[in-house]
């Protein structure tokens, strides 16, 4: 009998782990395509992928909240804000460029994910504020952006800052086509980050 109970516990834990992983796969599936160039209406509030992710998360939560205890629900849903923020930030390296409308669209998408997750978890998903701040920094010209980044060391990693500078240069109307502009600014960033705090 104890062997049977032990096997059921193992199966239960495995199922819980699979649900935990499944939600994370949904985040990647819906958010990674947002880095690709696209023709999206400027008037659309959120991209369809963000809406679909929200529906998926809500469906999972409605189904599981009637079955699982709160600690198990937290295990499944906690950390999704952090993961989504990381996906948004790190997918910036694959964005060829962002127009002003594109920058606003990304911030709206981050806000949409944050709102849905906050509704589900009943707390603010503050990690997504970090992702939104990342893209809001693109409002500055690359050189002004570089001047601000040393003050953001506690908020962003050096790799994230290099993604930000690279996207800023790629999105700039003049610097994007200027030979060596990106390399020069990445070297400046490296020098700035070596200075003591």
N, C-alpha and C. Protein backbone atom coordinates (compact mmCIF):
# COMPACT_ATOMS: atom_id res chain seq x y z
N UNK A 1 0.82 -1.20 0.00
CA UNK A 1 0.00 0.00 0.00
C UNK A 1 0.86 1.26 0.00
N UNK A 2 1.91 1.26 0.84
CA UNK A 2 2.79 2.43 0.90
C UNK A 2 3.49 2.66 -0.43
N UNK A 3 3.84 1.58 -1.11
CA UNK A 3 4.48 1.68 -2.41
C UNK A 3 3.54 2.34 -3.42
N UNK A 4 2.29 1.99 -3.36
CA UNK A 4 1.28 2.57 -4.25
C UNK A 4 1.11 4.07 -3.97
N UNK A 5 1.06 4.44 -2.71
CA UNK A 5 0.93 5.85 -2.32
C UNK A 5 2.16 6.63 -2.77
N UNK A 6 3.32 6.03 -2.62
CA UNK A 6 4.56 6.68 -3.05
C UNK A 6 4.56 6.91 -4.56
N UNK A 7 4.10 5.93 -5.31
CA UNK A 7 4.03 6.08 -6.77
C UNK A 7 3.04 7.17 -7.16
N UNK A 8 1.90 7.23 -6.47
CA UNK A 8 0.92 8.28 -6.75
C UNK A 8 1.48 9.66 -6.43
N UNK A 9 2.23 9.78 -5.34
CA UNK A 9 2.88 11.05 -5.01
C UNK A 9 3.86 11.46 -6.10
N UNK A 10 4.61 10.50 -6.59
CA UNK A 10 5.58 10.78 -7.66
C UNK A 10 4.87 11.23 -8.93
N UNK A 11 3.79 10.55 -9.27
CA UNK A 11 3.01 10.93 -10.46
C UNK A 11 2.42 12.32 -10.27
N UNK A 12 1.91 12.59 -9.08
CA UNK A 12 1.34 13.90 -8.78
C UNK A 12 2.38 15.01 -8.93
N UNK A 13 3.58 14.78 -8.38
CA UNK A 13 4.66 15.77 -8.49
C UNK A 13 5.08 15.97 -9.94
N UNK A 14 5.11 14.89 -10.71
CA UNK A 14 5.48 14.98 -12.12
C UNK A 14 4.43 15.78 -12.90
N UNK A 15 3.17 15.54 -12.61
CA UNK A 15 2.09 16.29 -13.28
C UNK A 15 2.19 17.78 -12.96
N UNK A 16 2.47 18.09 -11.70
CA UNK A 16 2.61 19.48 -11.29
C UNK A 16 3.78 20.14 -12.02
N UNK A 17 4.89 19.43 -12.11
CA UNK A 17 6.05 19.94 -12.84
C UNK A 17 5.72 20.17 -14.31
N UNK A 18 4.99 19.25 -14.91
CA UNK A 18 4.62 19.40 -16.32
C UNK A 18 3.74 20.62 -16.54
N UNK A 19 2.81 20.88 -15.62
CA UNK A 19 1.98 22.08 -15.72
C UNK A 19 2.84 23.34 -15.58
N UNK A 20 3.77 23.30 -14.64
CA UNK A 20 4.71 24.41 -14.42
C UNK A 20 5.46 24.72 -15.72
N UNK A 21 5.97 23.67 -16.35
CA UNK A 21 6.74 23.83 -17.59
C UNK A 21 5.84 24.22 -18.77
N UNK A 22 4.66 23.66 -18.81
CA UNK A 22 3.73 23.95 -19.92
C UNK A 22 3.41 25.43 -20.02
N UNK A 23 3.16 26.07 -18.88
CA UNK A 23 2.86 27.50 -18.91
C UNK A 23 4.06 28.30 -19.40
N UNK A 24 5.25 27.88 -19.05
CA UNK A 24 6.45 28.58 -19.50
C UNK A 24 6.65 28.40 -21.00
N UNK A 25 6.34 27.23 -21.51
CA UNK A 25 6.41 27.00 -22.96
C UNK A 25 5.42 27.90 -23.68
N UNK A 26 4.23 28.07 -23.12
CA UNK A 26 3.23 28.98 -23.71
C UNK A 26 3.78 30.40 -23.78
N UNK A 27 4.48 30.84 -22.75
CA UNK A 27 5.06 32.19 -22.76
C UNK A 27 6.05 32.34 -23.91
N UNK A 28 6.93 31.37 -24.06
CA UNK A 28 7.89 31.43 -25.17
C UNK A 28 7.16 31.38 -26.52
N UNK A 29 6.20 30.48 -26.64
CA UNK A 29 5.49 30.29 -27.90
C UNK A 29 4.81 31.58 -28.36
N UNK A 30 4.17 32.28 -27.42
CA UNK A 30 3.42 33.48 -27.80
C UNK A 30 4.26 34.74 -27.85
N UNK A 31 5.30 34.85 -27.03
CA UNK A 31 6.04 36.11 -26.96
C UNK A 31 7.24 36.19 -27.89
N UNK A 32 7.91 35.09 -28.16
CA UNK A 32 9.09 35.16 -29.04
C UNK A 32 8.77 35.67 -30.44
N UNK A 33 7.64 35.30 -31.05
CA UNK A 33 7.35 35.83 -32.40
C UNK A 33 7.20 37.35 -32.45
N UNK A 34 6.99 38.00 -31.32
CA UNK A 34 6.84 39.45 -31.31
C UNK A 34 8.12 40.17 -31.72
N UNK A 35 9.26 39.49 -31.68
CA UNK A 35 10.53 40.12 -32.05
C UNK A 35 10.68 40.23 -33.57
N UNK A 36 9.90 39.47 -34.32
CA UNK A 36 10.01 39.50 -35.78
C UNK A 36 9.36 40.75 -36.34
N UNK A 37 9.89 41.26 -37.47
CA UNK A 37 9.23 42.41 -38.12
C UNK A 37 7.82 42.02 -38.55
N UNK A 38 6.91 42.95 -38.46
CA UNK A 38 5.52 42.65 -38.77
C UNK A 38 4.78 43.90 -39.18
N UNK A 39 3.71 43.71 -39.88
CA UNK A 39 2.81 44.80 -40.23
C UNK A 39 1.58 44.67 -39.34
N UNK A 40 1.56 45.47 -38.32
CA UNK A 40 0.44 45.43 -37.37
C UNK A 40 -0.19 46.81 -37.36
N UNK A 41 -1.48 46.84 -37.32
CA UNK A 41 -2.19 48.12 -37.27
C UNK A 41 -1.76 48.90 -36.03
N UNK A 42 -1.47 50.17 -36.24
CA UNK A 42 -1.05 51.03 -35.13
C UNK A 42 -2.18 51.18 -34.11
N UNK A 43 -3.41 51.00 -34.58
CA UNK A 43 -4.57 51.23 -33.71
C UNK A 43 -4.90 50.03 -32.83
N UNK A 44 -4.29 48.88 -33.14
CA UNK A 44 -4.57 47.71 -32.31
C UNK A 44 -3.98 47.92 -30.92
N UNK A 45 -4.76 47.59 -29.92
CA UNK A 45 -4.33 47.78 -28.54
C UNK A 45 -3.17 46.85 -28.20
N UNK A 46 -3.35 45.55 -28.43
CA UNK A 46 -2.32 44.55 -28.13
C UNK A 46 -2.15 43.65 -29.34
N UNK A 47 -0.97 43.07 -29.46
CA UNK A 47 -0.75 42.09 -30.53
C UNK A 47 -1.56 40.83 -30.23
N UNK A 48 -1.99 40.12 -31.28
CA UNK A 48 -2.80 38.91 -31.08
C UNK A 48 -2.11 37.87 -30.20
N UNK A 49 -0.78 37.77 -30.29
CA UNK A 49 -0.05 36.79 -29.48
C UNK A 49 -0.20 37.08 -27.98
N UNK A 50 -0.21 38.35 -27.63
CA UNK A 50 -0.36 38.74 -26.22
C UNK A 50 -1.77 38.41 -25.74
N UNK A 51 -2.74 38.65 -26.60
CA UNK A 51 -4.13 38.33 -26.25
C UNK A 51 -4.29 36.82 -26.06
N UNK A 52 -3.69 36.05 -26.98
CA UNK A 52 -3.77 34.59 -26.88
C UNK A 52 -3.08 34.07 -25.62
N UNK A 53 -1.90 34.63 -25.31
CA UNK A 53 -1.21 34.23 -24.08
C UNK A 53 -2.09 34.50 -22.87
N UNK A 54 -2.71 35.67 -22.84
CA UNK A 54 -3.61 36.01 -21.73
C UNK A 54 -4.75 35.02 -21.60
N UNK A 55 -5.33 34.65 -22.74
CA UNK A 55 -6.43 33.65 -22.71
C UNK A 55 -5.93 32.30 -22.19
N UNK A 56 -4.75 31.89 -22.68
CA UNK A 56 -4.19 30.62 -22.22
C UNK A 56 -3.98 30.62 -20.71
N UNK A 57 -3.35 31.67 -20.21
CA UNK A 57 -3.06 31.75 -18.78
C UNK A 57 -4.35 31.76 -17.97
N UNK A 58 -5.34 32.53 -18.44
CA UNK A 58 -6.62 32.61 -17.73
C UNK A 58 -7.32 31.25 -17.73
N UNK A 59 -7.29 30.56 -18.86
CA UNK A 59 -7.93 29.23 -18.95
C UNK A 59 -7.27 28.24 -18.00
N UNK A 60 -5.93 28.24 -18.00
CA UNK A 60 -5.21 27.36 -17.08
C UNK A 60 -5.60 27.68 -15.64
N UNK A 61 -5.63 28.96 -15.30
CA UNK A 61 -5.92 29.35 -13.92
C UNK A 61 -7.34 28.96 -13.52
N UNK A 62 -8.31 29.20 -14.39
CA UNK A 62 -9.69 28.84 -14.07
C UNK A 62 -9.83 27.34 -13.86
N UNK A 63 -9.19 26.57 -14.72
CA UNK A 63 -9.28 25.12 -14.61
C UNK A 63 -8.58 24.61 -13.35
N UNK A 64 -7.39 25.11 -13.10
CA UNK A 64 -6.57 24.57 -12.00
C UNK A 64 -6.98 25.09 -10.63
N UNK A 65 -7.57 26.29 -10.57
CA UNK A 65 -7.90 26.86 -9.25
C UNK A 65 -8.98 26.06 -8.54
N UNK A 66 -9.79 25.32 -9.29
CA UNK A 66 -10.82 24.50 -8.64
C UNK A 66 -10.28 23.12 -8.24
N UNK A 67 -9.06 22.81 -8.68
CA UNK A 67 -8.49 21.48 -8.43
C UNK A 67 -7.33 21.51 -7.45
N UNK A 68 -6.48 22.53 -7.58
CA UNK A 68 -5.22 22.57 -6.82
C UNK A 68 -5.30 23.49 -5.61
N UNK A 69 -4.47 23.20 -4.63
CA UNK A 69 -4.36 24.07 -3.46
C UNK A 69 -3.59 25.34 -3.85
N UNK A 70 -3.68 26.37 -3.01
CA UNK A 70 -2.99 27.64 -3.28
C UNK A 70 -1.48 27.48 -3.41
N UNK A 71 -0.81 26.72 -2.54
CA UNK A 71 0.64 26.56 -2.72
C UNK A 71 1.01 25.93 -4.07
N UNK A 72 0.21 24.99 -4.52
CA UNK A 72 0.50 24.36 -5.81
C UNK A 72 0.21 25.33 -6.97
N UNK A 73 -0.85 26.12 -6.84
CA UNK A 73 -1.13 27.14 -7.85
C UNK A 73 0.00 28.16 -7.92
N UNK A 74 0.49 28.57 -6.75
CA UNK A 74 1.62 29.52 -6.72
C UNK A 74 2.84 28.92 -7.40
N UNK A 75 3.10 27.65 -7.16
CA UNK A 75 4.23 26.98 -7.79
C UNK A 75 4.12 27.06 -9.32
N UNK A 76 2.93 26.90 -9.83
CA UNK A 76 2.73 26.90 -11.28
C UNK A 76 2.82 28.32 -11.85
N UNK A 77 2.25 29.31 -11.16
CA UNK A 77 2.16 30.65 -11.74
C UNK A 77 3.26 31.61 -11.29
N UNK A 78 3.88 31.37 -10.14
CA UNK A 78 4.93 32.28 -9.68
C UNK A 78 6.12 32.23 -10.64
N UNK A 79 6.69 33.38 -10.89
CA UNK A 79 7.86 33.45 -11.76
C UNK A 79 7.52 33.71 -13.22
N UNK A 80 6.24 33.68 -13.59
CA UNK A 80 5.89 33.93 -14.98
C UNK A 80 6.18 35.38 -15.38
N UNK A 81 5.99 36.32 -14.46
CA UNK A 81 6.30 37.72 -14.75
C UNK A 81 7.78 37.90 -15.04
N UNK A 82 8.61 37.26 -14.22
CA UNK A 82 10.06 37.33 -14.42
C UNK A 82 10.44 36.73 -15.78
N UNK A 83 9.86 35.58 -16.10
CA UNK A 83 10.15 34.93 -17.38
C UNK A 83 9.71 35.80 -18.56
N UNK A 84 8.50 36.33 -18.50
CA UNK A 84 8.01 37.17 -19.61
C UNK A 84 8.87 38.41 -19.78
N UNK A 85 9.29 39.02 -18.67
CA UNK A 85 10.18 40.18 -18.76
C UNK A 85 11.49 39.80 -19.43
N UNK A 86 12.04 38.66 -19.06
CA UNK A 86 13.30 38.20 -19.67
C UNK A 86 13.11 37.93 -21.16
N UNK A 87 11.97 37.36 -21.54
CA UNK A 87 11.72 37.09 -22.96
C UNK A 87 11.64 38.40 -23.73
N UNK A 88 10.90 39.38 -23.21
CA UNK A 88 10.80 40.68 -23.89
C UNK A 88 12.19 41.31 -24.04
N UNK A 89 12.95 41.36 -22.95
CA UNK A 89 14.25 42.04 -22.98
C UNK A 89 15.22 41.31 -23.90
N UNK A 90 15.34 40.01 -23.75
CA UNK A 90 16.34 39.28 -24.53
C UNK A 90 15.93 39.09 -25.99
N UNK A 91 14.65 39.18 -26.30
CA UNK A 91 14.24 39.10 -27.71
C UNK A 91 14.58 40.39 -28.45
N UNK A 92 14.93 41.45 -27.71
CA UNK A 92 15.31 42.71 -28.36
C UNK A 92 16.52 42.54 -29.25
N UNK A 93 17.37 41.57 -28.95
CA UNK A 93 18.55 41.35 -29.79
C UNK A 93 18.18 40.83 -31.17
N UNK A 94 16.97 40.32 -31.34
CA UNK A 94 16.52 39.79 -32.63
C UNK A 94 15.63 40.77 -33.39
N UNK A 95 15.36 41.93 -32.79
CA UNK A 95 14.54 42.93 -33.46
C UNK A 95 15.44 43.73 -34.40
N UNK A 96 15.11 43.76 -35.69
CA UNK A 96 15.99 44.49 -36.61
C UNK A 96 16.02 45.99 -36.32
N UNK A 97 14.91 46.56 -35.99
CA UNK A 97 14.81 47.96 -35.61
C UNK A 97 13.41 48.20 -35.04
N UNK A 98 13.26 49.32 -34.35
CA UNK A 98 11.94 49.67 -33.81
C UNK A 98 11.63 51.12 -34.17
N UNK A 99 10.50 51.33 -34.79
CA UNK A 99 10.02 52.69 -35.03
C UNK A 99 9.43 53.23 -33.73
N UNK A 100 9.04 54.48 -33.73
CA UNK A 100 8.39 55.05 -32.54
C UNK A 100 7.11 54.28 -32.21
N UNK A 101 6.34 53.96 -33.25
CA UNK A 101 5.11 53.19 -33.04
C UNK A 101 5.44 51.79 -32.52
N UNK A 102 6.52 51.21 -33.01
CA UNK A 102 6.95 49.88 -32.55
C UNK A 102 7.34 49.88 -31.09
N UNK A 103 8.03 50.93 -30.65
CA UNK A 103 8.42 51.05 -29.24
C UNK A 103 7.18 51.11 -28.35
N UNK A 104 6.21 51.91 -28.78
CA UNK A 104 4.97 52.03 -28.01
C UNK A 104 4.21 50.70 -27.99
N UNK A 105 4.23 50.00 -29.14
CA UNK A 105 3.55 48.72 -29.22
C UNK A 105 4.14 47.71 -28.25
N UNK A 106 5.49 47.65 -28.19
CA UNK A 106 6.14 46.71 -27.27
C UNK A 106 5.75 47.05 -25.82
N UNK A 107 5.77 48.33 -25.48
CA UNK A 107 5.39 48.73 -24.11
C UNK A 107 3.94 48.37 -23.81
N UNK A 108 3.05 48.54 -24.80
CA UNK A 108 1.64 48.15 -24.60
C UNK A 108 1.53 46.64 -24.39
N UNK A 109 2.30 45.87 -25.16
CA UNK A 109 2.27 44.42 -25.01
C UNK A 109 2.76 43.99 -23.62
N UNK A 110 3.83 44.63 -23.15
CA UNK A 110 4.34 44.32 -21.81
C UNK A 110 3.26 44.65 -20.77
N UNK A 111 2.64 45.81 -20.93
CA UNK A 111 1.57 46.22 -20.01
C UNK A 111 0.43 45.20 -20.04
N UNK A 112 0.07 44.72 -21.24
CA UNK A 112 -1.02 43.75 -21.37
C UNK A 112 -0.72 42.44 -20.65
N UNK A 113 0.51 41.95 -20.79
CA UNK A 113 0.91 40.73 -20.09
C UNK A 113 0.90 40.97 -18.58
N UNK A 114 1.40 42.13 -18.17
CA UNK A 114 1.45 42.46 -16.74
C UNK A 114 0.04 42.53 -16.15
N UNK A 115 -0.89 43.14 -16.86
CA UNK A 115 -2.26 43.24 -16.36
C UNK A 115 -2.89 41.86 -16.18
N UNK A 116 -2.71 41.00 -17.18
CA UNK A 116 -3.32 39.67 -17.10
C UNK A 116 -2.70 38.85 -15.97
N UNK A 117 -1.38 38.87 -15.87
CA UNK A 117 -0.73 38.12 -14.79
C UNK A 117 -1.11 38.66 -13.42
N UNK A 118 -1.23 39.98 -13.31
CA UNK A 118 -1.62 40.58 -12.03
C UNK A 118 -3.03 40.17 -11.64
N UNK A 119 -3.93 40.08 -12.62
CA UNK A 119 -5.29 39.61 -12.33
C UNK A 119 -5.28 38.17 -11.82
N UNK A 120 -4.42 37.36 -12.41
CA UNK A 120 -4.37 35.94 -12.05
C UNK A 120 -3.72 35.73 -10.69
N UNK A 121 -2.59 36.40 -10.45
CA UNK A 121 -1.82 36.17 -9.22
C UNK A 121 -2.25 37.07 -8.07
N UNK A 122 -3.08 38.06 -8.35
CA UNK A 122 -3.55 39.03 -7.34
C UNK A 122 -2.41 39.83 -6.73
N UNK A 123 -1.37 40.06 -7.49
CA UNK A 123 -0.29 40.95 -7.05
C UNK A 123 0.37 41.55 -8.28
N UNK A 124 1.00 42.66 -8.08
CA UNK A 124 1.66 43.35 -9.19
C UNK A 124 2.87 42.53 -9.65
N UNK A 125 2.97 42.30 -10.92
CA UNK A 125 4.13 41.59 -11.48
C UNK A 125 5.18 42.65 -11.81
N UNK A 126 5.92 43.07 -10.78
CA UNK A 126 6.84 44.20 -10.88
C UNK A 126 8.00 43.95 -11.84
N UNK A 127 8.34 42.72 -12.07
CA UNK A 127 9.46 42.42 -12.98
C UNK A 127 9.15 42.93 -14.39
N UNK A 128 7.88 42.99 -14.76
CA UNK A 128 7.52 43.50 -16.07
C UNK A 128 7.70 45.02 -16.15
N UNK A 129 7.72 45.71 -15.00
CA UNK A 129 8.07 47.14 -15.00
C UNK A 129 9.49 47.33 -15.51
N UNK A 130 10.35 46.40 -15.16
CA UNK A 130 11.75 46.45 -15.61
C UNK A 130 11.82 46.32 -17.13
N UNK A 131 11.03 45.42 -17.69
CA UNK A 131 11.00 45.24 -19.15
C UNK A 131 10.47 46.50 -19.83
N UNK A 132 9.43 47.08 -19.25
CA UNK A 132 8.88 48.30 -19.85
C UNK A 132 9.89 49.44 -19.76
N UNK A 133 10.60 49.56 -18.64
CA UNK A 133 11.63 50.60 -18.50
C UNK A 133 12.74 50.41 -19.53
N UNK A 134 13.07 49.16 -19.82
CA UNK A 134 14.09 48.83 -20.83
C UNK A 134 13.70 49.45 -22.18
N UNK A 135 12.47 49.19 -22.61
CA UNK A 135 12.04 49.69 -23.92
C UNK A 135 11.75 51.19 -23.90
N UNK A 136 11.36 51.74 -22.75
CA UNK A 136 11.15 53.18 -22.67
C UNK A 136 12.45 53.95 -22.82
N UNK A 137 13.58 53.32 -22.46
CA UNK A 137 14.88 53.97 -22.64
C UNK A 137 15.20 54.21 -24.11
N UNK A 138 14.54 53.49 -25.00
CA UNK A 138 14.78 53.67 -26.43
C UNK A 138 14.24 55.01 -26.94
N UNK A 139 13.53 55.74 -26.10
CA UNK A 139 13.08 57.08 -26.49
C UNK A 139 14.26 58.04 -26.62
N UNK A 140 15.40 57.68 -26.02
CA UNK A 140 16.59 58.53 -26.07
C UNK A 140 17.46 58.17 -27.27
N UNK A 141 18.14 59.18 -27.81
CA UNK A 141 19.14 58.95 -28.85
C UNK A 141 20.22 58.04 -28.28
N UNK A 142 20.93 57.27 -29.11
CA UNK A 142 21.94 56.33 -28.60
C UNK A 142 22.98 56.97 -27.67
N UNK A 143 23.45 58.18 -27.97
CA UNK A 143 24.47 58.79 -27.12
C UNK A 143 23.91 59.22 -25.76
N UNK A 144 22.68 59.73 -25.75
CA UNK A 144 22.04 60.06 -24.46
C UNK A 144 21.74 58.80 -23.66
N UNK A 145 21.36 57.76 -24.37
CA UNK A 145 21.11 56.47 -23.73
C UNK A 145 22.37 55.97 -23.04
N UNK A 146 23.50 56.04 -23.74
CA UNK A 146 24.78 55.60 -23.17
C UNK A 146 25.09 56.36 -21.88
N UNK A 147 24.80 57.65 -21.86
CA UNK A 147 25.08 58.46 -20.68
C UNK A 147 24.23 58.03 -19.48
N UNK A 148 23.05 57.48 -19.74
CA UNK A 148 22.15 57.09 -18.65
C UNK A 148 22.41 55.68 -18.12
N UNK A 149 23.03 54.84 -18.92
CA UNK A 149 23.14 53.43 -18.55
C UNK A 149 23.98 53.15 -17.29
N UNK A 150 25.06 53.89 -17.02
CA UNK A 150 25.78 53.58 -15.78
C UNK A 150 24.90 53.67 -14.52
N UNK A 151 23.91 54.54 -14.55
CA UNK A 151 22.99 54.66 -13.41
C UNK A 151 21.99 53.50 -13.35
N UNK A 152 21.94 52.69 -14.39
CA UNK A 152 20.98 51.59 -14.46
C UNK A 152 21.63 50.23 -14.20
N UNK A 153 22.86 50.23 -13.68
CA UNK A 153 23.58 48.96 -13.45
C UNK A 153 22.82 48.02 -12.53
N UNK A 154 22.10 48.57 -11.57
CA UNK A 154 21.36 47.70 -10.64
C UNK A 154 20.10 47.15 -11.29
N UNK A 155 19.67 47.78 -12.37
CA UNK A 155 18.42 47.37 -13.01
C UNK A 155 18.64 46.39 -14.17
N UNK A 156 19.74 46.59 -14.92
CA UNK A 156 20.00 45.77 -16.10
C UNK A 156 21.40 45.19 -16.06
N UNK A 157 21.56 44.00 -16.62
CA UNK A 157 22.87 43.36 -16.70
C UNK A 157 23.65 44.00 -17.86
N UNK A 158 24.98 43.83 -17.88
CA UNK A 158 25.76 44.34 -19.01
C UNK A 158 25.29 43.78 -20.36
N UNK A 159 24.89 42.52 -20.40
CA UNK A 159 24.40 41.93 -21.66
C UNK A 159 23.10 42.61 -22.09
N UNK A 160 22.20 42.83 -21.14
CA UNK A 160 20.94 43.52 -21.47
C UNK A 160 21.21 44.93 -21.96
N UNK A 161 22.16 45.61 -21.34
CA UNK A 161 22.51 46.96 -21.78
C UNK A 161 23.09 46.95 -23.20
N UNK A 162 23.88 45.94 -23.51
CA UNK A 162 24.43 45.87 -24.87
C UNK A 162 23.32 45.60 -25.89
N UNK A 163 22.32 44.79 -25.53
CA UNK A 163 21.16 44.58 -26.41
C UNK A 163 20.43 45.90 -26.63
N UNK A 164 20.29 46.68 -25.56
CA UNK A 164 19.58 47.95 -25.62
C UNK A 164 20.31 48.94 -26.53
N UNK A 165 21.62 49.06 -26.35
CA UNK A 165 22.41 49.98 -27.18
C UNK A 165 22.36 49.54 -28.64
N UNK A 166 22.49 48.24 -28.88
CA UNK A 166 22.46 47.73 -30.26
C UNK A 166 21.12 48.02 -30.93
N UNK A 167 20.02 47.80 -30.22
CA UNK A 167 18.70 48.08 -30.79
C UNK A 167 18.52 49.57 -31.02
N UNK A 168 19.03 50.38 -30.11
CA UNK A 168 18.94 51.83 -30.26
C UNK A 168 19.68 52.29 -31.52
N UNK A 169 20.87 51.76 -31.75
CA UNK A 169 21.64 52.13 -32.95
C UNK A 169 20.94 51.61 -34.21
N UNK A 170 20.44 50.37 -34.18
CA UNK A 170 19.75 49.81 -35.35
C UNK A 170 18.49 50.59 -35.69
N UNK A 171 17.87 51.20 -34.67
CA UNK A 171 16.62 51.93 -34.87
C UNK A 171 16.84 53.39 -35.23
N UNK A 172 18.07 53.86 -35.12
CA UNK A 172 18.37 55.27 -35.39
C UNK A 172 18.41 55.51 -36.90
N UNK A 173 17.79 56.59 -37.40
CA UNK A 173 17.72 56.81 -38.84
C UNK A 173 19.09 57.00 -39.51
N UNK A 174 20.05 57.59 -38.82
CA UNK A 174 21.37 57.84 -39.41
C UNK A 174 22.38 56.78 -39.02
N UNK A 175 22.46 56.48 -37.74
CA UNK A 175 23.49 55.57 -37.24
C UNK A 175 23.32 54.14 -37.74
N UNK A 176 22.10 53.75 -38.05
CA UNK A 176 21.84 52.38 -38.49
C UNK A 176 22.66 52.02 -39.73
N UNK A 177 22.89 53.00 -40.60
CA UNK A 177 23.63 52.73 -41.84
C UNK A 177 25.08 53.19 -41.77
N UNK A 178 25.49 53.72 -40.65
CA UNK A 178 26.85 54.25 -40.49
C UNK A 178 27.80 53.12 -40.07
N UNK A 179 28.82 52.90 -40.88
CA UNK A 179 29.77 51.82 -40.61
C UNK A 179 30.51 52.07 -39.28
N UNK A 180 30.52 51.09 -38.41
CA UNK A 180 31.24 51.17 -37.14
C UNK A 180 30.51 51.88 -36.02
N UNK A 181 29.32 52.41 -36.29
CA UNK A 181 28.58 53.14 -35.25
C UNK A 181 28.23 52.24 -34.07
N UNK A 182 27.78 51.03 -34.36
CA UNK A 182 27.40 50.10 -33.29
C UNK A 182 28.62 49.68 -32.49
N UNK A 183 29.69 49.30 -33.17
CA UNK A 183 30.90 48.86 -32.48
C UNK A 183 31.46 49.96 -31.58
N UNK A 184 31.41 51.20 -32.07
CA UNK A 184 31.92 52.33 -31.28
C UNK A 184 31.10 52.50 -30.00
N UNK A 185 29.80 52.42 -30.11
CA UNK A 185 28.95 52.62 -28.93
C UNK A 185 29.02 51.44 -27.96
N UNK A 186 29.20 50.24 -28.49
CA UNK A 186 29.39 49.10 -27.59
C UNK A 186 30.71 49.20 -26.85
N UNK A 187 31.75 49.73 -27.51
CA UNK A 187 33.03 49.95 -26.83
C UNK A 187 32.88 51.02 -25.76
N UNK A 188 32.11 52.06 -26.06
CA UNK A 188 31.86 53.11 -25.05
C UNK A 188 31.11 52.53 -23.86
N UNK A 189 30.12 51.69 -24.13
CA UNK A 189 29.37 51.06 -23.04
C UNK A 189 30.29 50.22 -22.17
N UNK A 190 31.15 49.45 -22.80
CA UNK A 190 32.09 48.61 -22.06
C UNK A 190 32.99 49.46 -21.16
N UNK A 191 33.47 50.57 -21.69
CA UNK A 191 34.32 51.47 -20.91
C UNK A 191 33.54 52.09 -19.75
N UNK A 192 32.30 52.49 -20.01
CA UNK A 192 31.47 53.09 -18.96
C UNK A 192 31.20 52.09 -17.83
N UNK A 193 30.98 50.85 -18.19
CA UNK A 193 30.66 49.84 -17.18
C UNK A 193 31.87 49.42 -16.36
N UNK A 194 33.07 49.69 -16.87
CA UNK A 194 34.29 49.36 -16.12
C UNK A 194 34.61 50.42 -15.07
N UNK A 195 34.01 51.59 -15.20
CA UNK A 195 34.25 52.65 -14.22
C UNK A 195 33.61 52.27 -12.89
N UNK A 196 34.26 52.65 -11.78
CA UNK A 196 33.67 52.33 -10.47
C UNK A 196 32.34 53.04 -10.26
N UNK A 197 31.51 52.41 -9.49
CA UNK A 197 30.18 52.96 -9.23
C UNK A 197 30.27 54.15 -8.31
